[in-house]
Amino acid sequence: MIHYTPLTYEEIFEEEENEQIQWVSMKHAMVKVRKKADLSGYEIDQMISTDPNDYLNQQLMPGSNFYL
């Protein structure tokens, strides 16, 4: 099912209480990461940037792993 709305994902679906979510600044982009319980790293949920090349960067793709 496709749901078109101006609301963000977080406004529609509540986050789980045990999840740790934070925004991290990387190069020219802001990346929203979620702490993974099974690993010592984070998973990228969302990336916001004004540089179009950041959207082609595979390291910043949503779903990829990120380690601080």
Protein backbone atom coordinates (compact mmCIF):
# COMPACT_ATOMS: atom_id res chain seq x y z
CA MET A 1 0.00 0.00 0.00
CA ILE A 2 1.29 3.48 -0.85
CA HIS A 3 0.51 6.29 1.52
CA TYR A 4 1.10 9.86 0.26
CA THR A 5 1.33 12.44 3.05
CA PRO A 6 3.30 15.56 3.97
CA LEU A 7 3.92 14.08 7.42
CA THR A 8 7.25 12.51 8.34
CA TYR A 9 7.68 8.84 9.13
CA GLU A 10 8.08 9.63 12.85
CA GLU A 11 4.82 11.59 12.94
CA ILE A 12 2.92 8.61 11.54
CA PHE A 13 4.70 5.75 13.31
CA GLU A 14 5.87 6.13 16.89
CA GLU A 15 9.43 5.13 17.68
CA GLU A 16 10.16 2.29 20.04
CA GLU A 17 11.24 3.39 23.51
CA ASN A 18 14.38 1.24 23.61
CA GLU A 19 15.82 2.63 20.36
CA GLN A 20 18.57 5.22 20.42
CA ILE A 21 18.32 7.67 17.53
CA GLN A 22 20.60 10.63 16.93
CA TRP A 23 21.67 13.03 14.18
CA VAL A 24 25.35 12.95 13.15
CA SER A 25 27.15 15.45 10.92
CA MET A 26 29.25 13.76 8.23
CA LYS A 27 31.17 15.81 5.63
CA HIS A 28 28.43 18.01 4.15
CA ALA A 29 25.48 15.85 5.19
CA MET A 30 23.36 15.33 8.28
CA VAL A 31 22.70 11.64 8.92
CA LYS A 32 20.03 10.20 11.21
CA VAL A 33 21.36 6.98 12.74
CA ARG A 34 19.75 4.28 14.88
CA LYS A 35 21.73 2.26 17.45
CA LYS A 36 21.76 -1.43 16.54
CA ALA A 37 21.24 -3.73 19.49
CA ASP A 38 23.13 -6.69 18.04
CA LEU A 39 26.19 -4.73 16.84
CA SER A 40 28.39 -2.01 18.24
CA GLY A 41 27.49 0.26 15.32
CA TYR A 42 24.62 2.27 13.96
CA GLU A 43 22.32 1.92 10.97
CA ILE A 44 21.63 4.95 8.79
CA ASP A 45 17.92 5.81 8.64
CA GLN A 46 17.92 9.10 6.80
CA MET A 47 20.39 11.47 5.13
CA ILE A 48 19.85 15.18 4.47
CA SER A 49 22.27 17.18 2.34
CA THR A 50 22.39 20.13 -0.03
CA ASP A 51 25.08 18.46 -2.14
CA PRO A 52 23.60 16.14 -4.81
CA ASN A 53 26.77 14.02 -4.81
CA ASP A 54 26.08 12.96 -1.21
CA TYR A 55 22.98 11.11 -2.42
CA LEU A 56 25.20 9.02 -4.72
CA ASN A 57 27.63 8.13 -1.92
CA GLN A 58 27.07 4.47 -1.00
CA GLN A 59 28.46 4.97 2.52
CA LEU A 60 25.61 7.40 3.31
CA MET A 61 22.78 5.26 1.92
CA PRO A 62 19.90 4.46 4.30
CA GLY A 63 20.24 0.90 5.59
CA SER A 64 24.04 0.89 5.57
CA ASN A 65 26.05 0.45 8.75
CA PHE A 66 27.92 3.31 10.40
CA TYR A 67 30.51 3.05 13.17
CA LEU A 68 31.48 6.00 15.41
